[in-house]
Amino acid sequence: MVDLQARIKAGIRDVPDFPKDGILFKDISTLLLQPALANAILDGLAAQYRDVGIDAIAGIESRGFLFGNALALRLEKPFVLIRKAGKLPAEKITRSYELEYGVAAIEMHRDAVQPGQRVLVHDDLLATGGSAEAAALLLQDAGAHVAGFSFLVELGFLAGRQRLAPIQTDIRSLAAY
């Protein structure tokens, strides 16, 4: 049987020059078209985190919701939405971060986590680490402890792991480039 990393890499569609010239976008939407592979991915994620002692899983909008929520359900943990600014209706806290082409902000409902909770941050892809770092800082602003970082794919040449390591060294991905 082909290992999970090879299956993930074979299932991802590369889209050149998206969202801007010179970027090779790793499109994970094609993984969702293959239910057996999507279930294998979820099984792989669940196996990594079943015995880690996390209290909740936070998914970063929008692709972090896809497997993050399913993982939370599989592990019977609460799922925390980390959304783009302006999308949440109740009292929220906000964190801004820099992108390669500007500034963005993410938000979380103030009551989504409790002080001291151990929260796993999940997203589809680790590139420079900016959005994952902002999500982690947002959780810390609310008094939670970042229990780890979970990604489907890691682009190691963009050094996101090094950016996240000062927050938490437990950084896992199922496939790396």
N, C-alpha and C. Protein backbone atom coordinates (compact mmCIF):
# COMPACT_ATOMS: atom_id res chain seq x y z
N MET A 1 0.84 -1.20 0.00
CA MET A 1 0.00 0.00 0.00
C MET A 1 0.88 1.25 0.00
N VAL A 2 0.52 2.20 -0.80
CA VAL A 2 1.25 3.46 -0.88
C VAL A 2 1.03 4.23 0.41
N ASP A 3 2.09 4.86 0.93
CA ASP A 3 1.92 5.58 2.19
C ASP A 3 1.04 6.82 2.03
N LEU A 4 0.53 7.31 3.15
CA LEU A 4 -0.43 8.41 3.13
C LEU A 4 0.17 9.67 2.52
N GLN A 5 1.42 9.98 2.83
CA GLN A 5 2.03 11.17 2.25
C GLN A 5 2.02 11.11 0.72
N ALA A 6 2.38 9.99 0.16
CA ALA A 6 2.40 9.84 -1.30
C ALA A 6 0.99 9.98 -1.87
N ARG A 7 0.01 9.42 -1.18
CA ARG A 7 -1.38 9.53 -1.64
C ARG A 7 -1.87 10.97 -1.61
N ILE A 8 -1.50 11.70 -0.55
CA ILE A 8 -1.89 13.11 -0.46
C ILE A 8 -1.25 13.90 -1.59
N LYS A 9 0.05 13.73 -1.78
CA LYS A 9 0.75 14.47 -2.83
C LYS A 9 0.18 14.16 -4.21
N ALA A 10 -0.16 12.90 -4.44
CA ALA A 10 -0.74 12.51 -5.74
C ALA A 10 -2.13 13.10 -5.92
N GLY A 11 -2.84 13.34 -4.82
CA GLY A 11 -4.20 13.85 -4.89
C GLY A 11 -4.34 15.35 -4.95
N ILE A 12 -3.28 16.08 -4.65
CA ILE A 12 -3.32 17.55 -4.64
C ILE A 12 -3.11 18.08 -6.06
N ARG A 13 -3.90 19.10 -6.39
CA ARG A 13 -3.74 19.76 -7.69
C ARG A 13 -2.85 20.98 -7.51
N ASP A 14 -1.84 21.10 -8.36
CA ASP A 14 -0.98 22.29 -8.39
C ASP A 14 -1.59 23.31 -9.36
N VAL A 15 -1.75 24.55 -8.88
CA VAL A 15 -2.30 25.62 -9.71
C VAL A 15 -1.24 26.72 -9.81
N PRO A 16 -0.59 26.84 -10.98
CA PRO A 16 0.45 27.86 -11.12
C PRO A 16 -0.13 29.28 -11.12
N ASP A 17 0.66 30.22 -10.59
CA ASP A 17 0.35 31.65 -10.63
C ASP A 17 -0.97 32.01 -9.94
N PHE A 18 -1.25 31.31 -8.83
CA PHE A 18 -2.43 31.64 -8.03
C PHE A 18 -2.02 31.74 -6.57
N PRO A 19 -2.40 32.75 -5.84
CA PRO A 19 -3.27 33.86 -6.19
C PRO A 19 -2.57 34.99 -6.92
N LYS A 20 -1.25 34.85 -7.14
CA LYS A 20 -0.54 35.86 -7.93
C LYS A 20 0.61 35.18 -8.66
N ASP A 21 1.17 35.87 -9.62
CA ASP A 21 2.25 35.32 -10.43
C ASP A 21 3.40 34.82 -9.57
N GLY A 22 3.92 33.66 -9.93
CA GLY A 22 5.08 33.10 -9.24
C GLY A 22 4.76 32.15 -8.10
N ILE A 23 3.50 32.06 -7.73
CA ILE A 23 3.11 31.16 -6.64
C ILE A 23 2.52 29.89 -7.24
N LEU A 24 2.95 28.74 -6.73
CA LEU A 24 2.38 27.45 -7.11
C LEU A 24 1.45 27.03 -5.98
N PHE A 25 0.15 27.21 -6.19
CA PHE A 25 -0.87 26.95 -5.17
C PHE A 25 -1.12 25.46 -5.06
N LYS A 26 -1.12 24.95 -3.84
CA LYS A 26 -1.43 23.55 -3.56
C LYS A 26 -2.92 23.46 -3.21
N ASP A 27 -3.72 22.99 -4.16
CA ASP A 27 -5.17 22.94 -4.02
C ASP A 27 -5.60 21.62 -3.40
N ILE A 28 -6.06 21.67 -2.15
CA ILE A 28 -6.47 20.44 -1.46
C ILE A 28 -7.92 20.07 -1.76
N SER A 29 -8.65 20.92 -2.49
CA SER A 29 -10.05 20.59 -2.76
C SER A 29 -10.18 19.27 -3.51
N THR A 30 -9.18 18.91 -4.27
CA THR A 30 -9.21 17.65 -5.01
C THR A 30 -9.16 16.44 -4.07
N LEU A 31 -8.61 16.62 -2.87
CA LEU A 31 -8.61 15.52 -1.89
C LEU A 31 -10.02 15.18 -1.44
N LEU A 32 -10.88 16.18 -1.41
CA LEU A 32 -12.26 15.99 -0.96
C LEU A 32 -13.11 15.27 -2.00
N LEU A 33 -12.62 15.18 -3.22
CA LEU A 33 -13.33 14.46 -4.28
C LEU A 33 -13.09 12.96 -4.20
N GLN A 34 -12.22 12.55 -3.27
CA GLN A 34 -11.85 11.15 -3.10
C GLN A 34 -12.19 10.73 -1.66
N PRO A 35 -13.40 10.25 -1.42
CA PRO A 35 -13.81 9.94 -0.05
C PRO A 35 -12.88 8.96 0.67
N ALA A 36 -12.37 7.96 -0.03
CA ALA A 36 -11.47 6.99 0.64
C ALA A 36 -10.20 7.69 1.11
N LEU A 37 -9.66 8.57 0.29
CA LEU A 37 -8.46 9.31 0.67
C LEU A 37 -8.77 10.29 1.79
N ALA A 38 -9.88 11.01 1.69
CA ALA A 38 -10.26 11.96 2.76
C ALA A 38 -10.41 11.23 4.09
N ASN A 39 -11.00 10.04 4.07
CA ASN A 39 -11.13 9.26 5.31
C ASN A 39 -9.77 8.78 5.81
N ALA A 40 -8.88 8.41 4.90
CA ALA A 40 -7.53 8.00 5.31
C ALA A 40 -6.79 9.18 5.95
N ILE A 41 -6.97 10.37 5.40
CA ILE A 41 -6.36 11.58 5.97
C ILE A 41 -6.90 11.81 7.38
N LEU A 42 -8.20 11.72 7.52
CA LEU A 42 -8.82 11.92 8.83
C LEU A 42 -8.35 10.86 9.82
N ASP A 43 -8.24 9.62 9.38
CA ASP A 43 -7.71 8.55 10.23
C ASP A 43 -6.28 8.87 10.67
N GLY A 44 -5.47 9.37 9.72
CA GLY A 44 -4.08 9.72 10.05
C GLY A 44 -3.99 10.85 11.06
N LEU A 45 -4.83 11.86 10.89
CA LEU A 45 -4.85 12.97 11.84
C LEU A 45 -5.32 12.49 13.22
N ALA A 46 -6.38 11.73 13.24
CA ALA A 46 -6.93 11.25 14.51
C ALA A 46 -5.92 10.38 15.25
N ALA A 47 -5.20 9.53 14.53
CA ALA A 47 -4.19 8.68 15.17
C ALA A 47 -3.09 9.51 15.82
N GLN A 48 -2.74 10.63 15.20
CA GLN A 48 -1.69 11.50 15.75
C GLN A 48 -2.12 12.18 17.05
N TYR A 49 -3.40 12.48 17.18
CA TYR A 49 -3.85 13.33 18.29
C TYR A 49 -4.76 12.65 19.30
N ARG A 50 -5.04 11.38 19.11
CA ARG A 50 -5.97 10.68 20.00
C ARG A 50 -5.50 10.72 21.46
N ASP A 51 -4.21 10.57 21.71
CA ASP A 51 -3.70 10.47 23.08
C ASP A 51 -2.80 11.64 23.49
N VAL A 52 -2.97 12.78 22.86
CA VAL A 52 -2.10 13.93 23.13
C VAL A 52 -2.61 14.78 24.29
N GLY A 53 -3.86 14.68 24.63
CA GLY A 53 -4.39 15.48 25.74
C GLY A 53 -4.80 16.87 25.32
N ILE A 54 -5.54 16.98 24.23
CA ILE A 54 -6.04 18.28 23.81
C ILE A 54 -7.49 18.43 24.28
N ASP A 55 -7.87 19.68 24.52
CA ASP A 55 -9.22 19.97 24.98
C ASP A 55 -10.13 20.45 23.86
N ALA A 56 -9.55 21.02 22.81
CA ALA A 56 -10.33 21.56 21.69
C ALA A 56 -9.43 21.66 20.46
N ILE A 57 -10.07 21.84 19.31
CA ILE A 57 -9.35 22.03 18.06
C ILE A 57 -9.83 23.32 17.44
N ALA A 58 -8.89 24.18 17.06
CA ALA A 58 -9.22 25.44 16.39
C ALA A 58 -8.84 25.33 14.93
N GLY A 59 -9.79 25.61 14.05
CA GLY A 59 -9.54 25.57 12.61
C GLY A 59 -9.51 26.97 12.05
N ILE A 60 -8.56 27.20 11.14
CA ILE A 60 -8.39 28.51 10.53
C ILE A 60 -9.18 28.57 9.22
N GLU A 61 -9.99 29.61 9.07
CA GLU A 61 -10.81 29.78 7.87
C GLU A 61 -9.94 29.82 6.62
N SER A 62 -10.36 29.24 5.58
CA SER A 62 -11.54 28.40 5.48
C SER A 62 -11.18 26.93 5.33
N ARG A 63 -10.05 26.66 4.72
CA ARG A 63 -9.72 25.25 4.48
C ARG A 63 -9.36 24.51 5.76
N GLY A 64 -9.00 25.22 6.82
CA GLY A 64 -8.76 24.56 8.10
C GLY A 64 -10.03 24.02 8.72
N PHE A 65 -11.19 24.48 8.23
CA PHE A 65 -12.46 23.98 8.72
C PHE A 65 -12.75 22.57 8.20
N LEU A 66 -12.24 22.26 7.01
CA LEU A 66 -12.63 21.02 6.33
C LEU A 66 -12.26 19.78 7.13
N PHE A 67 -10.99 19.63 7.45
CA PHE A 67 -10.57 18.47 8.22
C PHE A 67 -10.53 18.77 9.71
N GLY A 68 -10.38 20.04 10.08
CA GLY A 68 -10.34 20.40 11.51
C GLY A 68 -11.62 20.06 12.23
N ASN A 69 -12.76 20.40 11.64
CA ASN A 69 -14.04 20.09 12.28
C ASN A 69 -14.27 18.58 12.32
N ALA A 70 -13.95 17.90 11.22
CA ALA A 70 -14.12 16.44 11.19
C ALA A 70 -13.22 15.77 12.23
N LEU A 71 -12.00 16.28 12.39
CA LEU A 71 -11.09 15.75 13.41
C LEU A 71 -11.67 15.98 14.80
N ALA A 72 -12.20 17.16 15.05
CA ALA A 72 -12.81 17.45 16.35
C ALA A 72 -13.96 16.49 16.63
N LEU A 73 -14.78 16.24 15.64
CA LEU A 73 -15.88 15.29 15.82
C LEU A 73 -15.35 13.89 16.09
N ARG A 74 -14.34 13.48 15.34
CA ARG A 74 -13.77 12.14 15.50
C ARG A 74 -13.19 11.97 16.90
N LEU A 75 -12.57 13.04 17.44
CA LEU A 75 -11.95 12.96 18.76
C LEU A 75 -12.90 13.41 19.88
N GLU A 76 -14.13 13.78 19.50
CA GLU A 76 -15.14 14.24 20.44
C GLU A 76 -14.65 15.43 21.26
N LYS A 77 -14.12 16.41 20.53
CA LYS A 77 -13.63 17.66 21.12
C LYS A 77 -14.39 18.84 20.53
N PRO A 78 -14.49 19.94 21.25
CA PRO A 78 -15.11 21.15 20.69
C PRO A 78 -14.28 21.67 19.51
N PHE A 79 -14.96 22.32 18.57
CA PHE A 79 -14.29 22.93 17.42
C PHE A 79 -14.44 24.44 17.52
N VAL A 80 -13.30 25.14 17.46
CA VAL A 80 -13.26 26.59 17.59
C VAL A 80 -13.02 27.20 16.21
N LEU A 81 -13.89 28.13 15.84
CA LEU A 81 -13.74 28.81 14.55
C LEU A 81 -12.78 29.99 14.67
N ILE A 82 -11.74 29.99 13.84
CA ILE A 82 -10.87 31.16 13.68
C ILE A 82 -11.22 31.72 12.31
N ARG A 83 -11.88 32.88 12.28
CA ARG A 83 -12.45 33.41 11.05
C ARG A 83 -11.77 34.69 10.61
N LYS A 84 -11.95 34.99 9.34
CA LYS A 84 -11.51 36.28 8.81
C LYS A 84 -12.33 37.37 9.50
N ALA A 85 -11.75 38.54 9.64
CA ALA A 85 -12.41 39.64 10.35
C ALA A 85 -13.77 39.96 9.73
N GLY A 86 -14.73 40.24 10.62
CA GLY A 86 -16.05 40.65 10.18
C GLY A 86 -17.04 39.53 9.94
N LYS A 87 -16.68 38.29 10.24
CA LYS A 87 -17.55 37.15 9.96
C LYS A 87 -18.27 36.59 11.19
N LEU A 88 -17.82 36.93 12.38
CA LEU A 88 -18.41 36.38 13.60
C LEU A 88 -19.39 37.38 14.21
N PRO A 89 -20.56 36.90 14.69
CA PRO A 89 -21.60 37.82 15.14
C PRO A 89 -21.51 38.27 16.60
N ALA A 90 -20.91 37.47 17.47
CA ALA A 90 -20.91 37.79 18.90
C ALA A 90 -19.60 38.48 19.29
N GLU A 91 -19.45 38.73 20.61
CA GLU A 91 -18.25 39.40 21.09
C GLU A 91 -17.02 38.60 20.69
N LYS A 92 -16.03 39.29 20.14
CA LYS A 92 -14.86 38.60 19.59
C LYS A 92 -13.58 39.32 19.95
N ILE A 93 -12.47 38.58 19.77
CA ILE A 93 -11.14 39.16 19.89
C ILE A 93 -10.47 39.02 18.52
N THR A 94 -9.53 39.92 18.24
CA THR A 94 -8.94 40.03 16.90
C THR A 94 -7.43 40.04 16.97
N ARG A 95 -6.81 39.49 15.95
CA ARG A 95 -5.35 39.55 15.77
C ARG A 95 -5.06 39.87 14.32
N SER A 96 -4.19 40.84 14.09
CA SER A 96 -3.74 41.17 12.73
C SER A 96 -2.41 40.48 12.47
N TYR A 97 -2.13 40.22 11.20
CA TYR A 97 -0.85 39.63 10.81
C TYR A 97 -0.53 40.05 9.38
N GLU A 98 0.75 39.94 9.06
CA GLU A 98 1.21 40.36 7.74
C GLU A 98 1.20 39.21 6.75
N LEU A 99 0.75 39.52 5.54
CA LEU A 99 0.83 38.60 4.41
C LEU A 99 1.98 39.09 3.53
N GLU A 100 2.37 38.29 2.53
CA GLU A 100 3.42 38.75 1.64
C GLU A 100 2.96 39.95 0.83
N TYR A 101 1.64 40.16 0.71
CA TYR A 101 1.12 41.26 -0.10
C TYR A 101 0.14 42.14 0.65
N GLY A 102 0.28 42.23 1.98
CA GLY A 102 -0.59 43.10 2.74
C GLY A 102 -0.76 42.67 4.18
N VAL A 103 -1.86 43.10 4.79
CA VAL A 103 -2.17 42.77 6.18
C VAL A 103 -3.56 42.15 6.22
N ALA A 104 -3.74 41.18 7.10
CA ALA A 104 -5.04 40.55 7.29
C ALA A 104 -5.33 40.48 8.79
N ALA A 105 -6.56 40.16 9.12
CA ALA A 105 -6.95 40.00 10.52
C ALA A 105 -7.85 38.78 10.64
N ILE A 106 -7.70 38.10 11.77
CA ILE A 106 -8.56 36.97 12.09
C ILE A 106 -9.20 37.22 13.45
N GLU A 107 -10.34 36.54 13.67
CA GLU A 107 -11.09 36.74 14.89
C GLU A 107 -11.59 35.41 15.44
N MET A 108 -11.94 35.45 16.72
CA MET A 108 -12.49 34.30 17.40
C MET A 108 -13.50 34.84 18.42
N HIS A 109 -14.59 34.11 18.62
CA HIS A 109 -15.52 34.52 19.68
C HIS A 109 -14.79 34.48 21.02
N ARG A 110 -15.00 35.50 21.81
CA ARG A 110 -14.32 35.62 23.10
C ARG A 110 -14.58 34.40 23.99
N ASP A 111 -15.76 33.82 23.91
CA ASP A 111 -16.10 32.69 24.77
C ASP A 111 -15.86 31.31 24.13
N ALA A 112 -15.12 31.27 23.02
CA ALA A 112 -14.89 30.01 22.31
C ALA A 112 -13.94 29.08 23.06
N VAL A 113 -13.03 29.65 23.83
CA VAL A 113 -12.11 28.85 24.64
C VAL A 113 -12.10 29.38 26.07
N GLN A 114 -11.69 28.52 26.97
CA GLN A 114 -11.59 28.89 28.37
C GLN A 114 -10.11 28.98 28.76
N PRO A 115 -9.77 29.85 29.70
CA PRO A 115 -8.38 29.94 30.15
C PRO A 115 -7.86 28.56 30.58
N GLY A 116 -6.67 28.25 30.13
CA GLY A 116 -6.03 26.99 30.48
C GLY A 116 -6.34 25.83 29.54
N GLN A 117 -7.32 25.97 28.68
CA GLN A 117 -7.61 24.88 27.73
C GLN A 117 -6.42 24.65 26.81
N ARG A 118 -6.19 23.37 26.50
CA ARG A 118 -5.13 22.97 25.56
C ARG A 118 -5.77 22.82 24.18
N VAL A 119 -5.41 23.75 23.27
CA VAL A 119 -6.07 23.82 21.97
C VAL A 119 -5.08 23.51 20.85
N LEU A 120 -5.46 22.61 19.97
CA LEU A 120 -4.69 22.27 18.78
C LEU A 120 -5.11 23.21 17.66
N VAL A 121 -4.14 23.85 17.00
CA VAL A 121 -4.41 24.72 15.86
C VAL A 121 -4.28 23.88 14.59
N HIS A 122 -5.34 23.87 13.77
CA HIS A 122 -5.32 23.08 12.53
C HIS A 122 -5.57 23.96 11.32
N ASP A 123 -4.79 23.71 10.26
CA ASP A 123 -5.03 24.35 8.97
C ASP A 123 -4.62 23.38 7.87
N ASP A 124 -4.97 23.70 6.65
CA ASP A 124 -4.65 22.80 5.55
C ASP A 124 -3.18 22.82 5.18
N LEU A 125 -2.55 24.00 5.27
CA LEU A 125 -1.20 24.14 4.74
C LEU A 125 -0.36 25.06 5.59
N LEU A 126 0.87 24.65 5.86
CA LEU A 126 1.85 25.50 6.54
C LEU A 126 2.81 26.03 5.49
N ALA A 127 2.77 27.34 5.29
CA ALA A 127 3.70 28.00 4.36
C ALA A 127 4.64 28.87 5.20
N THR A 128 4.39 30.16 5.26
CA THR A 128 5.24 31.04 6.06
C THR A 128 4.89 31.01 7.54
N GLY A 129 3.70 30.50 7.87
CA GLY A 129 3.28 30.38 9.26
C GLY A 129 2.56 31.59 9.81
N GLY A 130 2.33 32.61 9.00
CA GLY A 130 1.71 33.84 9.50
C GLY A 130 0.32 33.66 10.06
N SER A 131 -0.54 32.96 9.34
CA SER A 131 -1.91 32.80 9.83
C SER A 131 -1.97 31.85 11.04
N ALA A 132 -1.15 30.81 11.03
CA ALA A 132 -1.12 29.90 12.18
C ALA A 132 -0.56 30.60 13.43
N GLU A 133 0.45 31.42 13.23
CA GLU A 133 1.01 32.18 14.35
C GLU A 133 -0.05 33.13 14.91
N ALA A 134 -0.76 33.83 14.04
CA ALA A 134 -1.81 34.76 14.49
C ALA A 134 -2.91 34.01 15.23
N ALA A 135 -3.29 32.83 14.73
CA ALA A 135 -4.31 32.03 15.41
C ALA A 135 -3.83 31.61 16.80
N ALA A 136 -2.59 31.19 16.90
CA ALA A 136 -2.03 30.79 18.18
C ALA A 136 -2.00 31.96 19.16
N LEU A 137 -1.59 33.12 18.69
CA LEU A 137 -1.55 34.30 19.55
C LEU A 137 -2.95 34.72 19.99
N LEU A 138 -3.92 34.54 19.10
CA LEU A 138 -5.32 34.82 19.44
C LEU A 138 -5.79 33.90 20.56
N LEU A 139 -5.46 32.63 20.45
CA LEU A 139 -5.81 31.67 21.51
C LEU A 139 -5.13 32.03 22.83
N GLN A 140 -3.86 32.42 22.75
CA GLN A 140 -3.14 32.83 23.95
C GLN A 140 -3.75 34.09 24.54
N ASP A 141 -4.18 35.03 23.69
CA ASP A 141 -4.86 36.24 24.17
C ASP A 141 -6.08 35.89 25.02
N ALA A 142 -6.73 34.77 24.67
CA ALA A 142 -7.93 34.33 25.39
C ALA A 142 -7.58 33.47 26.61
N GLY A 143 -6.29 33.23 26.84
CA GLY A 143 -5.86 32.46 28.00
C GLY A 143 -5.68 30.97 27.75
N ALA A 144 -5.85 30.53 26.50
CA ALA A 144 -5.67 29.11 26.18
C ALA A 144 -4.20 28.80 25.97
N HIS A 145 -3.87 27.53 26.04
CA HIS A 145 -2.52 27.03 25.78
C HIS A 145 -2.54 26.36 24.41
N VAL A 146 -1.59 26.70 23.55
CA VAL A 146 -1.49 26.05 22.24
C VAL A 146 -0.83 24.70 22.44
N ALA A 147 -1.61 23.63 22.22
CA ALA A 147 -1.13 22.27 22.46
C ALA A 147 -0.32 21.74 21.29
N GLY A 148 -0.46 22.36 20.11
CA GLY A 148 0.27 21.92 18.93
C GLY A 148 -0.31 22.54 17.68
N PHE A 149 0.37 22.25 16.58
CA PHE A 149 -0.06 22.72 15.26
C PHE A 149 -0.20 21.50 14.36
N SER A 150 -1.29 21.44 13.61
CA SER A 150 -1.59 20.33 12.72
C SER A 150 -1.86 20.86 11.32
N PHE A 151 -1.21 20.24 10.32
CA PHE A 151 -1.39 20.63 8.93
C PHE A 151 -1.49 19.39 8.06
N LEU A 152 -2.21 19.50 6.96
CA LEU A 152 -2.18 18.42 5.97
C LEU A 152 -0.87 18.46 5.22
N VAL A 153 -0.46 19.67 4.81
CA VAL A 153 0.70 19.85 3.94
C VAL A 153 1.61 20.93 4.52
N GLU A 154 2.92 20.71 4.39
CA GLU A 154 3.91 21.70 4.82
C GLU A 154 4.85 22.01 3.67
N LEU A 155 5.02 23.29 3.40
CA LEU A 155 5.99 23.75 2.42
C LEU A 155 7.24 24.17 3.20
N GLY A 156 8.13 23.22 3.43
CA GLY A 156 9.27 23.43 4.31
C GLY A 156 10.20 24.55 3.87
N PHE A 157 10.29 24.79 2.58
CA PHE A 157 11.20 25.82 2.06
C PHE A 157 10.75 27.23 2.42
N LEU A 158 9.53 27.40 2.95
CA LEU A 158 9.06 28.73 3.37
C LEU A 158 9.24 28.98 4.86
N ALA A 159 9.79 28.02 5.58
CA ALA A 159 10.23 28.18 6.98
C ALA A 159 9.13 28.51 7.98
N GLY A 160 7.90 28.09 7.72
CA GLY A 160 6.82 28.33 8.68
C GLY A 160 7.04 27.63 10.01
N ARG A 161 7.63 26.45 9.96
CA ARG A 161 7.91 25.69 11.19
C ARG A 161 8.79 26.51 12.14
N GLN A 162 9.79 27.17 11.61
CA GLN A 162 10.69 27.98 12.45
C GLN A 162 9.94 29.15 13.08
N ARG A 163 8.98 29.68 12.36
CA ARG A 163 8.20 30.80 12.89
C ARG A 163 7.31 30.36 14.04
N LEU A 164 6.78 29.13 13.96
CA LEU A 164 5.85 28.63 14.98
C LEU A 164 6.54 28.03 16.19
N ALA A 165 7.76 27.55 16.03
CA ALA A 165 8.47 26.83 17.09
C ALA A 165 8.58 27.61 18.41
N PRO A 166 8.74 28.94 18.40
CA PRO A 166 8.78 29.64 19.70
C PRO A 166 7.46 29.54 20.48
N ILE A 167 6.37 29.27 19.79
CA ILE A 167 5.06 29.15 20.44
C ILE A 167 4.85 27.72 20.93
N GLN A 168 5.14 26.75 20.05
CA GLN A 168 4.94 25.34 20.36
C GLN A 168 5.74 24.51 19.35
N THR A 169 6.54 23.59 19.85
CA THR A 169 7.39 22.78 18.97
C THR A 169 6.68 21.55 18.42
N ASP A 170 5.50 21.22 18.94
CA ASP A 170 4.74 20.09 18.40
C ASP A 170 4.01 20.57 17.14
N ILE A 171 4.69 20.41 16.00
CA ILE A 171 4.19 20.85 14.70
C ILE A 171 4.18 19.63 13.80
N ARG A 172 2.99 19.22 13.35
CA ARG A 172 2.89 17.99 12.57
C ARG A 172 2.19 18.26 11.24
N SER A 173 2.67 17.58 10.20
CA SER A 173 2.03 17.62 8.90
C SER A 173 2.03 16.22 8.32
N LEU A 174 1.04 15.93 7.49
CA LEU A 174 0.95 14.60 6.89
C LEU A 174 1.79 14.48 5.62
N ALA A 175 2.00 15.60 4.94
CA ALA A 175 2.80 15.59 3.70
C ALA A 175 3.66 16.84 3.67
N ALA A 176 4.90 16.68 3.26
CA ALA A 176 5.82 17.82 3.22
C ALA A 176 6.49 17.93 1.85
N TYR A 177 6.68 19.16 1.45
CA TYR A 177 7.40 19.50 0.20
C TYR A 177 8.65 20.26 0.57
